[in-house]
C-alpha atoms as a PDB file:
ATOM      1  CA  UNK A   1      89.354  79.343  96.151  1.00  0.00           C
ATOM      2  CA  UNK A   2      87.978  81.582  98.893  1.00  0.00           C
ATOM      3  CA  UNK A   3      89.661  84.891  99.970  1.00  0.00           C
ATOM      4  CA  UNK A   4      88.926  87.301 102.367  1.00  0.00           C
ATOM      5  CA  UNK A   5      89.796  91.507 101.778  1.00  0.00           C
ATOM      6  CA  UNK A   6      91.322  93.055 104.823  1.00  0.00           C
ATOM      7  CA  UNK A   7      92.110  96.842 104.906  1.00  0.00           C
ATOM      8  CA  UNK A   8      95.134  97.705 107.200  1.00  0.00           C
ATOM      9  CA  UNK A   9      95.965 100.854 108.641  1.00  0.00           C
ATOM     10  CA  UNK A  10      92.850 102.596 107.460  1.00  0.00           C
ATOM     11  CA  UNK A  11      90.763 105.224 109.479  1.00  0.00           C
ATOM     12  CA  UNK A  12      88.220 107.816 108.816  1.00  0.00           C
ATOM     13  CA  UNK A  13      90.721 109.859 106.840  1.00  0.00           C
ATOM     14  CA  UNK A  14      93.045 107.400 105.369  1.00  0.00           C
ATOM     15  CA  UNK A  15      91.861 104.165 103.039  1.00  0.00           C
ATOM     16  CA  UNK A  16      95.212 102.199 104.007  1.00  0.00           C
ATOM     17  CA  UNK A  17      96.466  98.978 102.399  1.00  0.00           C
ATOM     18  CA  UNK A  18      94.167  96.371 101.415  1.00  0.00           C
ATOM     19  CA  UNK A  19      95.457  92.591 101.479  1.00  0.00           C
ATOM     20  CA  UNK A  20      93.616  89.083 100.261  1.00  0.00           C
ATOM     21  CA  UNK A  21      93.908  86.388 102.723  1.00  0.00           C
ATOM     22  CA  UNK A  22      93.568  82.902 101.539  1.00  0.00           C
ATOM     23  CA  UNK A  23      92.895  80.065 104.415  1.00  0.00           C
ATOM     24  CA  UNK A  24      93.801  76.597 103.046  1.00  0.00           C
ATOM     25  CA  UNK A  25      94.748  73.011 104.683  1.00  0.00           C
ATOM     26  CA  UNK A  26      98.104  73.258 102.864  1.00  0.00           C
ATOM     27  CA  UNK A  27      99.976  75.392 100.766  1.00  0.00           C
ATOM     28  CA  UNK A  28      98.714  75.087  96.723  1.00  0.00           C
ATOM     29  CA  UNK A  29     101.394  74.751  94.294  1.00  0.00           C
ATOM     30  CA  UNK A  30     103.737  77.961  93.629  1.00  0.00           C
ATOM     31  CA  UNK A  31     102.047  78.315  90.068  1.00  0.00           C
ATOM     32  CA  UNK A  32      98.362  78.104  91.637  1.00  0.00           C
ATOM     33  CA  UNK A  33      99.347  80.785  94.362  1.00  0.00           C
ATOM     34  CA  UNK A  34     100.608  83.232  92.086  1.00  0.00           C
ATOM     35  CA  UNK A  35      97.656  82.701  89.707  1.00  0.00           C
ATOM     36  CA  UNK A  36      95.209  83.426  92.324  1.00  0.00           C
ATOM     37  CA  UNK A  37      97.239  86.399  93.521  1.00  0.00           C
ATOM     38  CA  UNK A  38      97.242  87.661  90.172  1.00  0.00           C
ATOM     39  CA  UNK A  39      93.554  87.237  89.658  1.00  0.00           C
ATOM     40  CA  UNK A  40      92.639  89.008  92.953  1.00  0.00           C
ATOM     41  CA  UNK A  41      94.827  91.830  92.125  1.00  0.00           C
ATOM     42  CA  UNK A  42      95.423  93.330  95.553  1.00  0.00           C
ATOM     43  CA  UNK A  43      99.028  94.631  96.260  1.00  0.00           C
ATOM     44  CA  UNK A  44      99.438  91.169  98.387  1.00  0.00           C
ATOM     45  CA  UNK A  45      97.678  88.211  99.040  1.00  0.00           C
ATOM     46  CA  UNK A  46      98.561  85.948 101.851  1.00  0.00           C
ATOM     47  CA  UNK A  47      98.259  82.258 102.128  1.00  0.00           C
ATOM     48  CA  UNK A  48      98.079  80.697 105.560  1.00  0.00           C
ATOM     49  CA  UNK A  49      97.922  77.038 106.668  1.00  0.00           C
ATOM     50  CA  UNK A  50      97.729  75.740 110.266  1.00  0.00           C
ATOM     51  CA  UNK A  51     101.013  74.497 111.621  1.00  0.00           C
ATOM     52  CA  UNK A  52      99.867  74.146 115.377  1.00  0.00           C
ATOM     53  CA  UNK A  53      97.774  75.754 118.201  1.00  0.00           C
ATOM     54  CA  UNK A  54      98.185  79.568 117.395  1.00  0.00           C
ATOM     55  CA  UNK A  55     100.461  79.142 114.570  1.00  0.00           C
ATOM     56  CA  UNK A  56     100.406  79.191 110.954  1.00  0.00           C
ATOM     57  CA  UNK A  57     102.511  78.743 107.945  1.00  0.00           C
ATOM     58  CA  UNK A  58     102.161  81.924 105.861  1.00  0.00           C
ATOM     59  CA  UNK A  59     103.445  82.929 102.195  1.00  0.00           C
ATOM     60  CA  UNK A  60     102.837  86.217 100.414  1.00  0.00           C
ATOM     61  CA  UNK A  61     102.503  86.992  96.724  1.00  0.00           C
ATOM     62  CA  UNK A  62     102.180  90.238  94.770  1.00  0.00           C
ATOM     63  CA  UNK A  63     100.017  90.137  91.556  1.00  0.00           C
ATOM     64  CA  UNK A  64     103.756  89.472  89.724  1.00  0.00           C
ATOM     65  CA  UNK A  65     106.014  87.481  92.258  1.00  0.00           C
ATOM     66  CA  UNK A  66     106.325  85.893  95.645  1.00  0.00           C
ATOM     67  CA  UNK A  67     108.313  87.863  98.180  1.00  0.00           C
ATOM     68  CA  UNK A  68     109.804  87.020 101.440  1.00  0.00           C
ATOM     69  CA  UNK A  69     108.091  89.639 103.833  1.00  0.00           C
ATOM     70  CA  UNK A  70     105.090  91.515 103.969  1.00  0.00           C
ATOM     71  CA  UNK A  71     103.916  92.882 107.202  1.00  0.00           C
ATOM     72  CA  UNK A  72     100.291  94.365 106.476  1.00  0.00           C
ATOM     73  CA  UNK A  73      99.335  91.194 104.891  1.00  0.00           C
ATOM     74  CA  UNK A  74     100.544  89.197 107.863  1.00  0.00           C
ATOM     75  CA  UNK A  75      98.402  91.836 110.119  1.00  0.00           C
ATOM     76  CA  UNK A  76      95.422  91.299 107.887  1.00  0.00           C
ATOM     77  CA  UNK A  77      95.833  87.404 108.241  1.00  0.00           C
ATOM     78  CA  UNK A  78      96.023  87.953 112.030  1.00  0.00           C
ATOM     79  CA  UNK A  79      92.842  90.122 112.212  1.00  0.00           C
ATOM     80  CA  UNK A  80      91.047  87.534 109.943  1.00  0.00           C
ATOM     81  CA  UNK A  81      92.076  84.566 112.327  1.00  0.00           C
ATOM     82  CA  UNK A  82      91.452  86.632 115.610  1.00  0.00           C
ATOM     83  CA  UNK A  83      87.845  87.305 114.201  1.00  0.00           C
ATOM     84  CA  UNK A  84      86.981  83.487 113.499  1.00  0.00           C
ATOM     85  CA  UNK A  85      88.583  80.407 114.556  1.00  0.00           C
ATOM     86  CA  UNK A  86      91.207  81.652 116.697  1.00  0.00           C
ATOM     87  CA  UNK A  87      88.644  84.343 118.485  1.00  0.00           C
ATOM     88  CA  UNK A  88      89.968  83.540 122.183  1.00  0.00           C
ATOM     89  CA  UNK A  89      93.753  84.023 121.345  1.00  0.00           C
ATOM     90  CA  UNK A  90      95.501  86.948 121.878  1.00  0.00           C
ATOM     91  CA  UNK A  91      98.905  86.237 120.166  1.00  0.00           C
ATOM     92  CA  UNK A  92      99.409  84.354 116.873  1.00  0.00           C
ATOM     93  CA  UNK A  93     102.628  82.982 115.309  1.00  0.00           C
ATOM     94  CA  UNK A  94     103.344  82.857 111.763  1.00  0.00           C
ATOM     95  CA  UNK A  95     106.205  80.794 110.589  1.00  0.00           C
ATOM     96  CA  UNK A  96     107.721  82.632 107.376  1.00  0.00           C
ATOM     97  CA  UNK A  97     110.135  82.343 104.669  1.00  0.00           C
ATOM     98  CA  UNK A  98     112.134  84.964 106.838  1.00  0.00           C
ATOM     99  CA  UNK A  99     111.478  83.380 110.389  1.00  0.00           C
ATOM    100  CA  UNK A 100     108.559  83.523 112.917  1.00  0.00           C
ATOM    101  CA  UNK A 101     106.579  86.578 112.828  1.00  0.00           C
ATOM    102  CA  UNK A 102     104.804  87.349 116.146  1.00  0.00           C
ATOM    103  CA  UNK A 103     101.295  89.115 115.968  1.00  0.00           C
ATOM    104  CA  UNK A 104      99.110  90.486 119.145  1.00  0.00           C
ATOM    105  CA  UNK A 105      96.000  92.196 119.981  1.00  0.00           C
ATOM    106  CA  UNK A 106      96.566  95.592 121.182  1.00  0.00           C
ATOM    107  CA  UNK A 107      93.112  97.048 121.981  1.00  0.00           C
ATOM    108  CA  UNK A 108      91.626  97.792 118.539  1.00  0.00           C
ATOM    109  CA  UNK A 109      94.646  97.089 116.731  1.00  0.00           C
ATOM    110  CA  UNK A 110      97.013  94.528 115.664  1.00  0.00           C
ATOM    111  CA  UNK A 111     100.664  94.713 116.303  1.00  0.00           C
ATOM    112  CA  UNK A 112     103.535  92.524 114.665  1.00  0.00           C
ATOM    113  CA  UNK A 113     106.986  92.130 115.867  1.00  0.00           C
ATOM    114  CA  UNK A 114     109.601  92.183 113.035  1.00  0.00           C
ATOM    115  CA  UNK A 115     113.405  91.909 112.668  1.00  0.00           C
ATOM    116  CA  UNK A 116     115.027  95.150 112.404  1.00  0.00           C
ATOM    117  CA  UNK A 117     116.793  96.219 109.148  1.00  0.00           C
ATOM    118  CA  UNK A 118     120.435  96.742 109.096  1.00  0.00           C
ATOM    119  CA  UNK A 119     121.104 100.400 108.367  1.00  0.00           C
ATOM    120  CA  UNK A 120     124.242 101.283 106.037  1.00  0.00           C
ATOM    121  CA  UNK A 121     124.507 105.144 104.823  1.00  0.00           C
ATOM    122  CA  UNK A 122     125.608 104.985 101.267  1.00  0.00           C
ATOM    123  CA  UNK A 123     126.398 107.425  98.588  1.00  0.00           C
ATOM    124  CA  UNK A 124     123.081 107.593  96.041  1.00  0.00           C
ATOM    125  CA  UNK A 125     123.602 104.622  93.494  1.00  0.00           C
ATOM    126  CA  UNK A 126     123.793 106.060  89.779  1.00  0.00           C
ATOM    127  CA  UNK A 127     120.539 107.073  88.544  1.00  0.00           C
ATOM    128  CA  UNK A 128     118.491 106.484  91.616  1.00  0.00           C
ATOM    129  CA  UNK A 129     117.834 110.055  92.844  1.00  0.00           C
ATOM    130  CA  UNK A 130     117.039 111.159  88.934  1.00  0.00           C
ATOM    131  CA  UNK A 131     114.760 107.979  88.773  1.00  0.00           C
ATOM    132  CA  UNK A 132     112.992 109.293  91.940  1.00  0.00           C
ATOM    133  CA  UNK A 133     112.731 112.759  90.465  1.00  0.00           C
ATOM    134  CA  UNK A 134     114.585 114.330  93.508  1.00  0.00           C
ATOM    135  CA  UNK A 135     117.783 116.632  93.470  1.00  0.00           C
ATOM    136  CA  UNK A 136     121.354 115.520  94.506  1.00  0.00           C
ATOM    137  CA  UNK A 137     122.393 115.247  97.813  1.00  0.00           C
ATOM    138  CA  UNK A 138     122.279 118.488  99.516  1.00  0.00           C
ATOM    139  CA  UNK A 139     119.665 119.980  97.461  1.00  0.00           C
ATOM    140  CA  UNK A 140     116.883 117.517  97.137  1.00  0.00           C
ATOM    141  CA  UNK A 141     118.173 114.536  98.936  1.00  0.00           C
ATOM    142  CA  UNK A 142     119.406 114.944 102.521  1.00  0.00           C
ATOM    143  CA  UNK A 143     120.880 111.176 103.005  1.00  0.00           C
ATOM    144  CA  UNK A 144     120.787 107.944 101.520  1.00  0.00           C
ATOM    145  CA  UNK A 145     120.676 104.579 103.391  1.00  0.00           C
ATOM    146  CA  UNK A 146     120.208 100.800 102.348  1.00  0.00           C
ATOM    147  CA  UNK A 147     118.489  98.733 104.660  1.00  0.00           C
ATOM    148  CA  UNK A 148     118.733  94.950 103.712  1.00  0.00           C
ATOM    149  CA  UNK A 149     117.528  94.842 100.327  1.00  0.00           C
ATOM    150  CA  UNK A 150     115.597  98.469 100.237  1.00  0.00           C
ATOM    151  CA  UNK A 151     117.196 101.804  99.783  1.00  0.00           C
ATOM    152  CA  UNK A 152     115.913 104.662 102.112  1.00  0.00           C
ATOM    153  CA  UNK A 153     116.289 108.489 100.660  1.00  0.00           C
ATOM    154  CA  UNK A 154     115.608 111.357 103.344  1.00  0.00           C
ATOM    155  CA  UNK A 155     114.086 114.468 102.062  1.00  0.00           C
ATOM    156  CA  UNK A 156     113.629 117.748 103.851  1.00  0.00           C
ATOM    157  CA  UNK A 157     109.941 117.738 104.638  1.00  0.00           C
ATOM    158  CA  UNK A 158     106.676 116.052 104.325  1.00  0.00           C
ATOM    159  CA  UNK A 159     105.691 118.239 101.355  1.00  0.00           C
ATOM    160  CA  UNK A 160     108.729 117.040  99.435  1.00  0.00           C
ATOM    161  CA  UNK A 161     107.830 113.134 100.214  1.00  0.00           C
ATOM    162  CA  UNK A 162     104.194 113.765  98.918  1.00  0.00           C
ATOM    163  CA  UNK A 163     105.702 115.793  95.523  1.00  0.00           C
ATOM    164  CA  UNK A 164     107.920 112.766  94.392  1.00  0.00           C
ATOM    165  CA  UNK A 165     106.965 111.422  90.877  1.00  0.00           C
ATOM    166  CA  UNK A 166     109.086 108.425  90.299  1.00  0.00           C
ATOM    167  CA  UNK A 167     110.029 107.264  86.873  1.00  0.00           C
ATOM    168  CA  UNK A 168     109.111 103.645  88.019  1.00  0.00           C
ATOM    169  CA  UNK A 169     110.854 101.808  84.583  1.00  0.00           C
ATOM    170  CA  UNK A 170     113.874 103.399  85.649  1.00  0.00           C
ATOM    171  CA  UNK A 171     113.362 102.459  89.213  1.00  0.00           C
ATOM    172  CA  UNK A 172     112.761  99.003  88.384  1.00  0.00           C
ATOM    173  CA  UNK A 173     116.138  98.619  86.647  1.00  0.00           C
ATOM    174  CA  UNK A 174     118.077  99.944  90.169  1.00  0.00           C
ATOM    175  CA  UNK A 175     119.284  96.622  92.277  1.00  0.00           C
ATOM    176  CA  UNK A 176     116.858  96.917  95.170  1.00  0.00           C
ATOM    177  CA  UNK A 177     113.524  95.332  96.180  1.00  0.00           C
ATOM    178  CA  UNK A 178     112.072  98.579  97.582  1.00  0.00           C
ATOM    179  CA  UNK A 179     112.897 102.502  97.319  1.00  0.00           C
ATOM    180  CA  UNK A 180     111.509 104.464 100.359  1.00  0.00           C
ATOM    181  CA  UNK A 181     111.329 108.479 100.524  1.00  0.00           C
ATOM    182  CA  UNK A 182     110.887 110.069 104.144  1.00  0.00           C
ATOM    183  CA  UNK A 183     111.232 112.853 106.068  1.00  0.00           C
ATOM    184  CA  UNK A 184     110.083 114.600 109.106  1.00  0.00           C
ATOM    185  CA  UNK A 185     106.192 114.229 109.536  1.00  0.00           C
ATOM    186  CA  UNK A 186     103.536 117.018 109.526  1.00  0.00           C
ATOM    187  CA  UNK A 187     102.339 118.313 112.762  1.00  0.00           C
ATOM    188  CA  UNK A 188     101.483 115.741 115.077  1.00  0.00           C
ATOM    189  CA  UNK A 189     103.402 113.093 113.464  1.00  0.00           C
ATOM    190  CA  UNK A 190     107.153 111.819 113.959  1.00  0.00           C
ATOM    191  CA  UNK A 191     107.960 110.879 110.258  1.00  0.00           C
ATOM    192  CA  UNK A 192     106.179 110.298 106.758  1.00  0.00           C
ATOM    193  CA  UNK A 193     107.218 108.014 104.032  1.00  0.00           C
ATOM    194  CA  UNK A 194     106.137 106.621 100.687  1.00  0.00           C
ATOM    195  CA  UNK A 195     107.130 103.325  99.205  1.00  0.00           C
ATOM    196  CA  UNK A 196     107.965 102.116  95.625  1.00  0.00           C
ATOM    197  CA  UNK A 197     108.561  98.343  94.425  1.00  0.00           C
ATOM    198  CA  UNK A 198     108.081  98.615  90.700  1.00  0.00           C
ATOM    199  CA  UNK A 199     110.218  95.273  90.169  1.00  0.00           C
ATOM    200  CA  UNK A 200     107.721  93.268  92.306  1.00  0.00           C
ATOM    201  CA  UNK A 201     104.585  94.886  89.987  1.00  0.00           C
ATOM    202  CA  UNK A 202     103.745  97.495  92.823  1.00  0.00           C
ATOM    203  CA  UNK A 203     104.659 100.823  91.772  1.00  0.00           C
ATOM    204  CA  UNK A 204     103.609 102.303  94.908  1.00  0.00           C
ATOM    205  CA  UNK A 205     102.676 100.275  98.027  1.00  0.00           C
ATOM    206  CA  UNK A 206     100.072 102.222 100.072  1.00  0.00           C
ATOM    207  CA  UNK A 207     101.158 101.439 103.435  1.00  0.00           C
ATOM    208  CA  UNK A 208     104.362  99.083 103.639  1.00  0.00           C
ATOM    209  CA  UNK A 209     105.326  97.504 107.108  1.00  0.00           C
ATOM    210  CA  UNK A 210     108.124  95.889 105.992  1.00  0.00           C
ATOM    211  CA  UNK A 211     109.795  99.321 104.873  1.00  0.00           C
ATOM    212  CA  UNK A 212     109.334 100.565 108.735  1.00  0.00           C
ATOM    213  CA  UNK A 213     111.719  97.909 109.742  1.00  0.00           C
ATOM    214  CA  UNK A 214     114.241 100.475 108.589  1.00  0.00           C
ATOM    215  CA  UNK A 215     112.366 103.565 109.076  1.00  0.00           C
ATOM    216  CA  UNK A 216     111.884 102.795 112.633  1.00  0.00           C
ATOM    217  CA  UNK A 217     115.598 102.419 113.574  1.00  0.00           C
ATOM    218  CA  UNK A 218     116.254 105.287 111.331  1.00  0.00           C
ATOM    219  CA  UNK A 219     114.025 108.062 112.779  1.00  0.00           C
ATOM    220  CA  UNK A 220     114.658 106.565 116.341  1.00  0.00           C
ATOM    221  CA  UNK A 221     118.299 106.971 116.356  1.00  0.00           C
ATOM    222  CA  UNK A 222     117.442 110.976 115.042  1.00  0.00           C
ATOM    223  CA  UNK A 223     114.606 111.722 117.353  1.00  0.00           C
ATOM    224  CA  UNK A 224     116.210 109.833 120.477  1.00  0.00           C
ATOM    225  CA  UNK A 225     112.762 107.800 120.854  1.00  0.00           C
ATOM    226  CA  UNK A 226     111.891 104.317 120.639  1.00  0.00           C
ATOM    227  CA  UNK A 227     108.239 104.987 120.247  1.00  0.00           C
ATOM    228  CA  UNK A 228     107.050 107.025 117.236  1.00  0.00           C
ATOM    229  CA  UNK A 229     104.068 107.789 114.977  1.00  0.00           C
ATOM    230  CA  UNK A 230     104.112 107.351 111.396  1.00  0.00           C
ATOM    231  CA  UNK A 231     102.184 108.225 108.334  1.00  0.00           C
ATOM    232  CA  UNK A 232     102.456 106.977 104.833  1.00  0.00           C
ATOM    233  CA  UNK A 233     101.642 109.743 102.175  1.00  0.00           C
ATOM    234  CA  UNK A 234     100.448 107.333  99.378  1.00  0.00           C
ATOM    235  CA  UNK A 235      97.151 107.876  97.332  1.00  0.00           C
ATOM    236  CA  UNK A 236      95.565 105.905 100.013  1.00  0.00           C
ATOM    237  CA  UNK A 237      97.715 106.643 102.788  1.00  0.00           C
ATOM    238  CA  UNK A 238      97.644 105.113 106.269  1.00  0.00           C
ATOM    239  CA  UNK A 239      98.706 105.883 109.807  1.00  0.00           C
ATOM    240  CA  UNK A 240     101.195 103.492 111.962  1.00  0.00           C
ATOM    241  CA  UNK A 241     102.756 103.652 115.366  1.00  0.00           C
ATOM    242  CA  UNK A 242     105.909 101.740 115.765  1.00  0.00           C
ATOM    243  CA  UNK A 243     108.543 100.968 118.410  1.00  0.00           C
ATOM    244  CA  UNK A 244     112.154 100.465 117.843  1.00  0.00           C
ATOM    245  CA  UNK A 245     113.418  97.577 120.044  1.00  0.00           C
ATOM    246  CA  UNK A 246     116.909  97.457 118.926  1.00  0.00           C
ATOM    247  CA  UNK A 247     117.165  94.176 116.848  1.00  0.00           C
ATOM    248  CA  UNK A 248     113.400  93.997 116.680  1.00  0.00           C
ATOM    249  CA  UNK A 249     110.858  96.567 115.472  1.00  0.00           C
ATOM    250  CA  UNK A 250     106.962  96.559 116.649  1.00  0.00           C
ATOM    251  CA  UNK A 251     104.592  97.698 114.220  1.00  0.00           C
ATOM    252  CA  UNK A 252     100.904  98.581 115.357  1.00  0.00           C
ATOM    253  CA  UNK A 253      97.985  99.249 113.013  1.00  0.00           C
ATOM    254  CA  UNK A 254      94.226  98.818 112.641  1.00  0.00           C
ATOM    255  CA  UNK A 255      92.760  96.316 110.229  1.00  0.00           C
ATOM    256  CA  UNK A 256      89.185  95.608 109.092  1.00  0.00           C
ATOM    257  CA  UNK A 257      87.730  92.739 107.359  1.00  0.00           C
ATOM    258  CA  UNK A 258      85.428  93.890 104.465  1.00  0.00           C
ATOM    259  CA  UNK A 259      81.958  92.479 105.096  1.00  0.00           C
ATOM    260  CA  UNK A 260      83.020  90.269 107.854  1.00  0.00           C
ATOM    261  CA  UNK A 261      84.031  86.487 107.657  1.00  0.00           C
ATOM    262  CA  UNK A 262      81.819  84.474 105.221  1.00  0.00           C
ATOM    263  CA  UNK A 263      82.759  80.916 106.821  1.00  0.00           C
ATOM    264  CA  UNK A 264      84.206  79.539 109.815  1.00  0.00           C
ATOM    265  CA  UNK A 265      88.035  79.332 109.351  1.00  0.00           C
ATOM    266  CA  UNK A 266      88.063  76.023 110.832  1.00  0.00           C
ATOM    267  CA  UNK A 267      86.014  74.516 108.163  1.00  0.00           C
ATOM    268  CA  UNK A 268      88.110  76.315 105.427  1.00  0.00           C
ATOM    269  CA  UNK A 269      91.408  75.502 106.964  1.00  0.00           C
ATOM    270  CA  UNK A 270      89.981  71.907 106.869  1.00  0.00           C
ATOM    271  CA  UNK A 271      89.336  72.139 103.301  1.00  0.00           C
END
C-alpha cells in the first residue's frame, strides 16, 4: 500500500512533525489500517478516500491505536492533495469521526479549522504533577485545566516547559488522552508547549495540532488577542500560528511532501 510522508510545521530551524498519507479508493479494514500504521511507524498515518468534489473521508492511526482527531496529519493530507489531484482547489473538506474539518491554502501555508476545546479549571488529579515531574501548584505548576480529553498544565516559562522529563508509564495510567505543558513563549512567540500521549503509543508528539484547540483559547483569554504565535518545544520542534474564533480554532502551518508525489493521486484513489 503506497504512502507519502509529509513534514508539517517544519522550517530551517525546526524539524516539525511527520505524517504518512495513504490515499485509497475506500477505507481498508480496521486491522489492515492499524497494521499499515504500525509498519510505517510515524506518529500518525492518515487514510484518505474520495467522498465528493473537494471532499475526502479521513481516519487516523498511530502505531498503536486509532485516534479520533489529528490536525497535523490532516494538514499533511491537504498538502499532498493540493499538490496532486486537487491542485486547482484552494479548500478541501475532510469528513472525520469528529465531524467535518476544513483546510485551505494560505499562501505557502495550509490552515485547518477545528472545533475549540471546552476549558475547565480543575485541581490537578492525584499523581499527575508527579508523573510530569513538576512541582505542586504555586511552586512548579501555576494552573491545571482540562480540555475535552486532554489535561493542560501551565508552567512559569518556556525554560520550565523544555525541562519537563515525564514518567511516561505513570502518565499512561492517568485518565487522559493527552498531557500538555505550556507557558509564555520566548521572545517573539506568544506561548510554548509540549504534548505527551503515552497511552496512544506516542510518548511525545513533535507538534500536536489538536492540543492547540485548547491552547489557543487558553492563551487568547490570557493575552487578550485572538491571533497568536506558538512554538512546540519537542525534540524536533515546530512553529504554528493560531486564531481563536470562539467555538472554532484555526491553525496555520507549513507542510512539505518528502521527495514529491510518486504517482498521480487520481490513479491511487481509483486503485
